[in-house]
Amino acid sequence: MTKKEQLYEGKAKKVFATENPELLIVSYKDDATAFNGLKKGTIHGKGVINNRMSNLLMRYLEKAGVPTHYVEELNDRETLVKRVSIVPLEVIVRNIAAGSFSKRYGVAEGVVFDTPTIEFSYKNDDLGDPLLNEYHALALKLATKEEIETIKKYAFTVNDRLKAFWAECGVTLVDFKLEFGRLSDGTIVLADEISPDTCRFWDSKTGEKLDKDRFRRDMGGVEDAYAEIMKRLTQHI
């Protein structure tokens, strides 16, 4: 598959056209951002880890009945994916209070929920990705009612499968962000990535953070944390 012109560059990835209009190449960068791009830096080797982890987990979720945009891993940093139109909803599933949830609602980090929560943000950098509910999403025509129900069903399936998988790795899946897209025929599929950039991973015994919070909070040991979570993944998948 030939990489042609660059179509898009985001905070963590570049997207390129190919000779097939239905297929794109995603290239993962080492750039790191936080707080809607206000904090910038580099996490060496992050692109390689996020590319590989996303691909392994997407294949794992495909077997669980969650369709994804994944097609083929091309090299350490690049993956062939199906072209999708991204649904402008960031979907956040939370099992434990942390991050913005704790700040917003005054709940101590580490409080375990009786059942997982789900929340939506309007994927719009200019507006700061504001929280919204299903009625807002419908009013803004971001997705149809049927699409939102499909997205919720897939998001909770992802949570059930990944929470159990990571528990086997000695890791607690605290929360994570997903993005979904529409194929040319309108089918909803899981897109974007699943990585330490988009998930909170805590060591099940020590509570040590093994994700981008180490970068956000200037905790140090960021590269080591990414390498550790990747090692545990490859030992169990």
C-alpha atoms as a PDB file:
ATOM      1  CA  MET A   1       0.000   0.000   0.000  1.00  0.00           C
ATOM      2  CA  THR A   2       1.520   3.325  -1.095  1.00  0.00           C
ATOM      3  CA  LYS A   3       1.489   6.311   1.256  1.00  0.00           C
ATOM      4  CA  LYS A   4       0.343   9.397  -0.644  1.00  0.00           C
ATOM      5  CA  GLU A   5      -0.420  12.958   0.452  1.00  0.00           C
ATOM      6  CA  GLN A   6      -0.930  13.881   4.097  1.00  0.00           C
ATOM      7  CA  LEU A   7      -4.596  14.568   4.798  1.00  0.00           C
ATOM      8  CA  TYR A   8      -4.473  15.526   8.454  1.00  0.00           C
ATOM      9  CA  GLU A   9      -2.139  16.035  11.403  1.00  0.00           C
ATOM     10  CA  GLY A  10      -3.472  15.865  14.938  1.00  0.00           C
ATOM     11  CA  LYS A  11      -1.862  16.021  18.355  1.00  0.00           C
ATOM     12  CA  ALA A  12      -0.636  12.415  18.274  1.00  0.00           C
ATOM     13  CA  LYS A  13      -1.045  11.141  14.705  1.00  0.00           C
ATOM     14  CA  LYS A  14      -0.761  11.950  11.021  1.00  0.00           C
ATOM     15  CA  VAL A  15      -3.148  10.541   8.413  1.00  0.00           C
ATOM     16  CA  PHE A  16      -2.198   9.841   4.806  1.00  0.00           C
ATOM     17  CA  ALA A  17      -4.153   8.914   1.692  1.00  0.00           C
ATOM     18  CA  THR A  18      -3.446   5.708  -0.255  1.00  0.00           C
ATOM     19  CA  GLU A  19      -4.264   4.592  -3.803  1.00  0.00           C
ATOM     20  CA  ASN A  20      -7.484   3.107  -2.363  1.00  0.00           C
ATOM     21  CA  PRO A  21      -9.962   5.887  -1.452  1.00  0.00           C
ATOM     22  CA  GLU A  22     -11.488   3.673   1.273  1.00  0.00           C
ATOM     23  CA  LEU A  23      -8.150   3.056   3.052  1.00  0.00           C
ATOM     24  CA  LEU A  24      -5.830   5.415   4.934  1.00  0.00           C
ATOM     25  CA  ILE A  25      -2.472   5.142   6.666  1.00  0.00           C
ATOM     26  CA  VAL A  26      -2.223   6.395  10.251  1.00  0.00           C
ATOM     27  CA  SER A  27       1.259   7.310  11.513  1.00  0.00           C
ATOM     28  CA  TYR A  28       1.777   7.633  15.274  1.00  0.00           C
ATOM     29  CA  LYS A  29       3.969  10.430  16.645  1.00  0.00           C
ATOM     30  CA  ASP A  30       5.953  10.778  19.885  1.00  0.00           C
ATOM     31  CA  ASP A  31       4.419  14.213  20.504  1.00  0.00           C
ATOM     32  CA  ALA A  32       2.455  14.500  23.743  1.00  0.00           C
ATOM     33  CA  THR A  33      -0.134  17.090  24.691  1.00  0.00           C
ATOM     34  CA  ALA A  34      -2.412  17.654  27.671  1.00  0.00           C
ATOM     35  CA  PHE A  35      -5.103  20.097  28.779  1.00  0.00           C
ATOM     36  CA  ASN A  36      -6.421  20.645  25.230  1.00  0.00           C
ATOM     37  CA  GLY A  37      -2.942  21.280  23.867  1.00  0.00           C
ATOM     38  CA  LEU A  38      -1.855  23.799  26.509  1.00  0.00           C
ATOM     39  CA  LYS A  39       0.914  21.473  27.671  1.00  0.00           C
ATOM     40  CA  LYS A  40       3.229  20.024  25.029  1.00  0.00           C
ATOM     41  CA  GLY A  41       6.155  17.626  25.146  1.00  0.00           C
ATOM     42  CA  THR A  42       7.643  14.428  23.792  1.00  0.00           C
ATOM     43  CA  ILE A  43       7.392  10.879  25.113  1.00  0.00           C
ATOM     44  CA  HIS A  44      10.137   8.959  23.327  1.00  0.00           C
ATOM     45  CA  GLY A  45       8.885   5.706  21.814  1.00  0.00           C
ATOM     46  CA  LYS A  46       5.246   6.523  22.526  1.00  0.00           C
ATOM     47  CA  GLY A  47       4.205   6.311  18.886  1.00  0.00           C
ATOM     48  CA  VAL A  48       5.551   2.780  18.514  1.00  0.00           C
ATOM     49  CA  ILE A  49       3.834   1.597  21.709  1.00  0.00           C
ATOM     50  CA  ASN A  50       0.501   3.272  20.944  1.00  0.00           C
ATOM     51  CA  ASN A  51       0.457   1.909  17.397  1.00  0.00           C
ATOM     52  CA  ARG A  52       1.179  -1.660  18.470  1.00  0.00           C
ATOM     53  CA  MET A  53      -1.108  -1.605  21.523  1.00  0.00           C
ATOM     54  CA  SER A  54      -4.032  -0.144  19.600  1.00  0.00           C
ATOM     55  CA  ASN A  55      -3.690  -2.762  16.881  1.00  0.00           C
ATOM     56  CA  LEU A  56      -3.465  -5.684  19.311  1.00  0.00           C
ATOM     57  CA  LEU A  57      -6.477  -4.483  21.282  1.00  0.00           C
ATOM     58  CA  MET A  58      -8.532  -3.661  18.182  1.00  0.00           C
ATOM     59  CA  ARG A  59      -7.980  -7.212  16.911  1.00  0.00           C
ATOM     60  CA  TYR A  60      -8.921  -8.534  20.350  1.00  0.00           C
ATOM     61  CA  LEU A  61     -12.134  -6.474  20.368  1.00  0.00           C
ATOM     62  CA  GLU A  62     -13.039  -7.522  16.817  1.00  0.00           C
ATOM     63  CA  LYS A  63     -13.204 -11.098  18.132  1.00  0.00           C
ATOM     64  CA  ALA A  64     -15.594  -9.848  20.842  1.00  0.00           C
ATOM     65  CA  GLY A  65     -17.973  -8.465  18.213  1.00  0.00           C
ATOM     66  CA  VAL A  66     -16.892  -4.820  18.178  1.00  0.00           C
ATOM     67  CA  PRO A  67     -16.173  -3.710  14.583  1.00  0.00           C
ATOM     68  CA  THR A  68     -13.125  -1.433  14.189  1.00  0.00           C
ATOM     69  CA  HIS A  69     -11.319   0.556  11.523  1.00  0.00           C
ATOM     70  CA  TYR A  70      -8.205  -1.650  11.794  1.00  0.00           C
ATOM     71  CA  VAL A  71      -6.956  -3.360   8.631  1.00  0.00           C
ATOM     72  CA  GLU A  72      -3.226  -4.116   8.890  1.00  0.00           C
ATOM     73  CA  GLU A  73      -0.125  -3.041  10.803  1.00  0.00           C
ATOM     74  CA  LEU A  74       2.425  -1.819   8.261  1.00  0.00           C
ATOM     75  CA  ASN A  75       5.432  -1.093  10.486  1.00  0.00           C
ATOM     76  CA  ASP A  76       6.328   0.115  13.987  1.00  0.00           C
ATOM     77  CA  ARG A  77       4.523   3.425  13.608  1.00  0.00           C
ATOM     78  CA  GLU A  78       2.096   3.009  10.726  1.00  0.00           C
ATOM     79  CA  THR A  79      -1.189   1.145  10.337  1.00  0.00           C
ATOM     80  CA  LEU A  80      -3.602   0.730   7.450  1.00  0.00           C
ATOM     81  CA  VAL A  81      -7.168   1.599   8.483  1.00  0.00           C
ATOM     82  CA  LYS A  82     -10.578   1.959   6.859  1.00  0.00           C
ATOM     83  CA  ARG A  83     -11.505   5.525   6.005  1.00  0.00           C
ATOM     84  CA  VAL A  84     -14.192   6.744   8.381  1.00  0.00           C
ATOM     85  CA  SER A  85     -16.052   9.939   9.046  1.00  0.00           C
ATOM     86  CA  ILE A  86     -15.427  10.514  12.749  1.00  0.00           C
ATOM     87  CA  VAL A  87     -18.544  10.979  14.877  1.00  0.00           C
ATOM     88  CA  PRO A  88     -17.713  14.203  16.778  1.00  0.00           C
ATOM     89  CA  LEU A  89     -18.373  12.638  20.174  1.00  0.00           C
ATOM     90  CA  GLU A  90     -15.661  11.666  22.609  1.00  0.00           C
ATOM     91  CA  VAL A  91     -16.997   8.734  24.602  1.00  0.00           C
ATOM     92  CA  ILE A  92     -15.576   8.366  28.116  1.00  0.00           C
ATOM     93  CA  VAL A  93     -16.244   5.227  30.169  1.00  0.00           C
ATOM     94  CA  ARG A  94     -15.289   5.361  33.843  1.00  0.00           C
ATOM     95  CA  ASN A  95     -15.000   2.538  36.371  1.00  0.00           C
ATOM     96  CA  ILE A  96     -13.278   4.569  39.097  1.00  0.00           C
ATOM     97  CA  ALA A  97     -13.288   8.277  39.964  1.00  0.00           C
ATOM     98  CA  ALA A  98     -10.200  10.062  38.627  1.00  0.00           C
ATOM     99  CA  GLY A  99      -9.050  13.091  36.670  1.00  0.00           C
ATOM    100  CA  SER A 100     -11.689  15.567  35.520  1.00  0.00           C
ATOM    101  CA  PHE A 101     -14.520  13.534  37.079  1.00  0.00           C
ATOM    102  CA  SER A 102     -12.979  13.920  40.537  1.00  0.00           C
ATOM    103  CA  LYS A 103     -12.379  17.643  40.032  1.00  0.00           C
ATOM    104  CA  ARG A 104     -15.805  18.322  38.539  1.00  0.00           C
ATOM    105  CA  TYR A 105     -17.846  16.500  41.173  1.00  0.00           C
ATOM    106  CA  GLY A 106     -15.593  16.697  44.223  1.00  0.00           C
ATOM    107  CA  VAL A 107     -15.105  12.927  44.440  1.00  0.00           C
ATOM    108  CA  ALA A 108     -11.823  11.545  45.764  1.00  0.00           C
ATOM    109  CA  GLU A 109      -9.688   9.750  43.197  1.00  0.00           C
ATOM    110  CA  GLY A 110      -9.933   6.008  43.602  1.00  0.00           C
ATOM    111  CA  VAL A 111     -13.630   5.747  44.528  1.00  0.00           C
ATOM    112  CA  VAL A 112     -14.922   2.667  42.714  1.00  0.00           C
ATOM    113  CA  PHE A 113     -18.330   3.027  41.060  1.00  0.00           C
ATOM    114  CA  ASP A 114     -21.056   0.418  41.575  1.00  0.00           C
ATOM    115  CA  THR A 115     -21.569   0.407  37.808  1.00  0.00           C
ATOM    116  CA  PRO A 116     -19.526   2.034  35.029  1.00  0.00           C
ATOM    117  CA  THR A 117     -20.461   5.555  33.971  1.00  0.00           C
ATOM    118  CA  ILE A 118     -20.471   6.904  30.429  1.00  0.00           C
ATOM    119  CA  GLU A 119     -20.197  10.516  29.352  1.00  0.00           C
ATOM    120  CA  PHE A 120     -19.938  12.356  26.056  1.00  0.00           C
ATOM    121  CA  SER A 121     -17.889  15.365  25.057  1.00  0.00           C
ATOM    122  CA  TYR A 122     -18.396  17.416  21.910  1.00  0.00           C
ATOM    123  CA  LYS A 123     -15.193  16.821  19.932  1.00  0.00           C
ATOM    124  CA  ASN A 124     -14.382  20.452  19.210  1.00  0.00           C
ATOM    125  CA  ASP A 125     -11.015  21.930  20.215  1.00  0.00           C
ATOM    126  CA  ASP A 126     -12.186  25.523  19.729  1.00  0.00           C
ATOM    127  CA  LEU A 127     -14.898  24.985  22.353  1.00  0.00           C
ATOM    128  CA  GLY A 128     -12.679  22.966  24.690  1.00  0.00           C
ATOM    129  CA  ASP A 129     -14.501  19.643  24.110  1.00  0.00           C
ATOM    130  CA  PRO A 130     -17.490  20.514  26.354  1.00  0.00           C
ATOM    131  CA  LEU A 131     -19.525  17.818  28.065  1.00  0.00           C
ATOM    132  CA  LEU A 132     -22.922  17.135  26.545  1.00  0.00           C
ATOM    133  CA  ASN A 133     -25.767  14.662  26.893  1.00  0.00           C
ATOM    134  CA  GLU A 134     -27.643  12.623  24.295  1.00  0.00           C
ATOM    135  CA  TYR A 135     -30.254  15.324  23.779  1.00  0.00           C
ATOM    136  CA  HIS A 136     -27.539  17.876  23.011  1.00  0.00           C
ATOM    137  CA  ALA A 137     -25.931  15.424  20.568  1.00  0.00           C
ATOM    138  CA  LEU A 138     -29.263  14.994  18.788  1.00  0.00           C
ATOM    139  CA  ALA A 139     -29.971  18.725  18.754  1.00  0.00           C
ATOM    140  CA  LEU A 140     -26.531  19.417  17.248  1.00  0.00           C
ATOM    141  CA  LYS A 141     -27.036  16.542  14.770  1.00  0.00           C
ATOM    142  CA  LEU A 142     -23.746  14.946  15.837  1.00  0.00           C
ATOM    143  CA  ALA A 143     -25.298  11.472  15.667  1.00  0.00           C
ATOM    144  CA  THR A 144     -28.697   9.830  15.336  1.00  0.00           C
ATOM    145  CA  LYS A 145     -30.484   8.171  18.241  1.00  0.00           C
ATOM    146  CA  GLU A 146     -29.727   4.761  16.728  1.00  0.00           C
ATOM    147  CA  GLU A 147     -26.046   5.616  16.337  1.00  0.00           C
ATOM    148  CA  ILE A 148     -25.807   6.777  19.947  1.00  0.00           C
ATOM    149  CA  GLU A 149     -27.382   3.523  21.167  1.00  0.00           C
ATOM    150  CA  THR A 150     -24.928   1.523  19.036  1.00  0.00           C
ATOM    151  CA  ILE A 151     -21.994   3.562  20.347  1.00  0.00           C
ATOM    152  CA  LYS A 152     -23.077   3.026  23.971  1.00  0.00           C
ATOM    153  CA  LYS A 153     -23.496  -0.719  23.411  1.00  0.00           C
ATOM    154  CA  TYR A 154     -20.028  -1.017  21.889  1.00  0.00           C
ATOM    155  CA  ALA A 155     -18.451   1.216  24.570  1.00  0.00           C
ATOM    156  CA  PHE A 156     -19.751  -0.957  27.406  1.00  0.00           C
ATOM    157  CA  THR A 157     -18.666  -4.115  25.568  1.00  0.00           C
ATOM    158  CA  VAL A 158     -15.180  -2.625  25.200  1.00  0.00           C
ATOM    159  CA  ASN A 159     -15.170  -1.855  28.919  1.00  0.00           C
ATOM    160  CA  ASP A 160     -16.288  -5.351  29.948  1.00  0.00           C
ATOM    161  CA  ARG A 161     -13.696  -7.041  27.758  1.00  0.00           C
ATOM    162  CA  LEU A 162     -10.775  -4.745  28.474  1.00  0.00           C
ATOM    163  CA  LYS A 163     -11.421  -4.496  32.211  1.00  0.00           C
ATOM    164  CA  ALA A 164     -11.256  -8.303  32.460  1.00  0.00           C
ATOM    165  CA  PHE A 165      -8.242  -8.502  30.148  1.00  0.00           C
ATOM    166  CA  TRP A 166      -6.214  -5.884  32.009  1.00  0.00           C
ATOM    167  CA  ALA A 167      -7.088  -7.464  35.364  1.00  0.00           C
ATOM    168  CA  GLU A 168      -5.264 -10.586  34.135  1.00  0.00           C
ATOM    169  CA  CYS A 169      -2.252  -8.329  33.505  1.00  0.00           C
ATOM    170  CA  GLY A 170      -2.300  -6.972  37.057  1.00  0.00           C
ATOM    171  CA  VAL A 171      -3.692  -3.662  35.818  1.00  0.00           C
ATOM    172  CA  THR A 172      -6.848  -1.790  36.838  1.00  0.00           C
ATOM    173  CA  LEU A 173      -8.645  -0.091  33.955  1.00  0.00           C
ATOM    174  CA  VAL A 174      -9.759   3.146  35.607  1.00  0.00           C
ATOM    175  CA  ASP A 175     -11.295   4.941  32.638  1.00  0.00           C
ATOM    176  CA  PHE A 176     -10.771   5.490  28.926  1.00  0.00           C
ATOM    177  CA  LYS A 177     -11.813   7.586  25.928  1.00  0.00           C
ATOM    178  CA  LEU A 178     -13.107   6.111  22.679  1.00  0.00           C
ATOM    179  CA  GLU A 179     -13.925   7.589  19.304  1.00  0.00           C
ATOM    180  CA  PHE A 180     -16.187   6.053  16.681  1.00  0.00           C
ATOM    181  CA  GLY A 181     -16.535   6.618  12.957  1.00  0.00           C
ATOM    182  CA  ARG A 182     -18.899   5.901  10.103  1.00  0.00           C
ATOM    183  CA  LEU A 183     -17.799   3.811   7.143  1.00  0.00           C
ATOM    184  CA  SER A 184     -18.947   4.915   3.685  1.00  0.00           C
ATOM    185  CA  ASP A 185     -22.090   2.768   4.104  1.00  0.00           C
ATOM    186  CA  GLY A 186     -22.889   4.375   7.480  1.00  0.00           C
ATOM    187  CA  THR A 187     -21.736   1.448   9.635  1.00  0.00           C
ATOM    188  CA  ILE A 188     -20.469   2.567  13.054  1.00  0.00           C
ATOM    189  CA  VAL A 189     -16.998   1.241  13.928  1.00  0.00           C
ATOM    190  CA  LEU A 190     -14.473   1.848  16.700  1.00  0.00           C
ATOM    191  CA  ALA A 191     -11.736   4.192  15.456  1.00  0.00           C
ATOM    192  CA  ASP A 192      -8.838   6.306  16.777  1.00  0.00           C
ATOM    193  CA  GLU A 193      -6.680   4.416  19.314  1.00  0.00           C
ATOM    194  CA  ILE A 194      -6.609   2.521  22.612  1.00  0.00           C
ATOM    195  CA  SER A 195      -3.386   3.341  24.439  1.00  0.00           C
ATOM    196  CA  PRO A 196      -1.841   4.894  27.562  1.00  0.00           C
ATOM    197  CA  ASP A 197      -2.719   8.232  25.921  1.00  0.00           C
ATOM    198  CA  THR A 198      -6.441   7.459  26.028  1.00  0.00           C
ATOM    199  CA  CYS A 199      -6.751   5.145  29.055  1.00  0.00           C
ATOM    200  CA  ARG A 200      -5.951   5.360  32.757  1.00  0.00           C
ATOM    201  CA  PHE A 201      -4.061   2.256  33.887  1.00  0.00           C
ATOM    202  CA  TRP A 202      -3.174   1.682  37.544  1.00  0.00           C
ATOM    203  CA  ASP A 203      -1.069  -1.181  38.844  1.00  0.00           C
ATOM    204  CA  SER A 204      -3.575  -3.396  40.648  1.00  0.00           C
ATOM    205  CA  LYS A 205      -1.350  -3.890  43.723  1.00  0.00           C
ATOM    206  CA  THR A 206       0.515  -0.614  44.123  1.00  0.00           C
ATOM    207  CA  GLY A 207      -1.838   1.862  42.416  1.00  0.00           C
ATOM    208  CA  GLU A 208       1.117   3.159  40.390  1.00  0.00           C
ATOM    209  CA  LYS A 209      -0.008   5.128  37.341  1.00  0.00           C
ATOM    210  CA  LEU A 210       1.025   3.546  34.034  1.00  0.00           C
ATOM    211  CA  ASP A 211      -0.395   6.098  31.589  1.00  0.00           C
ATOM    212  CA  LYS A 212      -0.285   9.718  30.366  1.00  0.00           C
ATOM    213  CA  ASP A 213      -1.187  11.077  33.813  1.00  0.00           C
ATOM    214  CA  ARG A 214       2.536  10.804  34.541  1.00  0.00           C
ATOM    215  CA  PHE A 215       3.087  13.387  31.791  1.00  0.00           C
ATOM    216  CA  ARG A 216       0.068  15.538  32.725  1.00  0.00           C
ATOM    217  CA  ARG A 217       1.123  15.729  36.367  1.00  0.00           C
ATOM    218  CA  ASP A 218       4.920  15.950  35.886  1.00  0.00           C
ATOM    219  CA  MET A 219       5.386  12.707  37.815  1.00  0.00           C
ATOM    220  CA  GLY A 220       8.398  11.520  35.800  1.00  0.00           C
ATOM    221  CA  GLY A 221       8.995   7.976  34.602  1.00  0.00           C
ATOM    222  CA  VAL A 222       6.653   8.446  31.646  1.00  0.00           C
ATOM    223  CA  GLU A 223       8.590   6.339  29.127  1.00  0.00           C
ATOM    224  CA  ASP A 224       9.084   3.589  31.716  1.00  0.00           C
ATOM    225  CA  ALA A 225       5.346   3.512  32.446  1.00  0.00           C
ATOM    226  CA  TYR A 226       4.460   3.173  28.750  1.00  0.00           C
ATOM    227  CA  ALA A 227       7.055   0.409  28.338  1.00  0.00           C
ATOM    228  CA  GLU A 228       5.724  -1.430  31.398  1.00  0.00           C
ATOM    229  CA  ILE A 229       2.101  -1.398  30.263  1.00  0.00           C
ATOM    230  CA  MET A 230       3.180  -2.611  26.807  1.00  0.00           C
ATOM    231  CA  LYS A 231       5.215  -5.431  28.343  1.00  0.00           C
ATOM    232  CA  ARG A 232       2.220  -6.622  30.358  1.00  0.00           C
ATOM    233  CA  LEU A 233       0.005  -6.482  27.289  1.00  0.00           C
ATOM    234  CA  THR A 234       2.305  -8.565  25.116  1.00  0.00           C
ATOM    235  CA  GLN A 235       2.748 -11.139  27.872  1.00  0.00           C
ATOM    236  CA  HIS A 236      -1.024 -11.785  28.022  1.00  0.00           C
ATOM    237  CA  ILE A 237      -2.415 -11.318  24.522  1.00  0.00           C
END
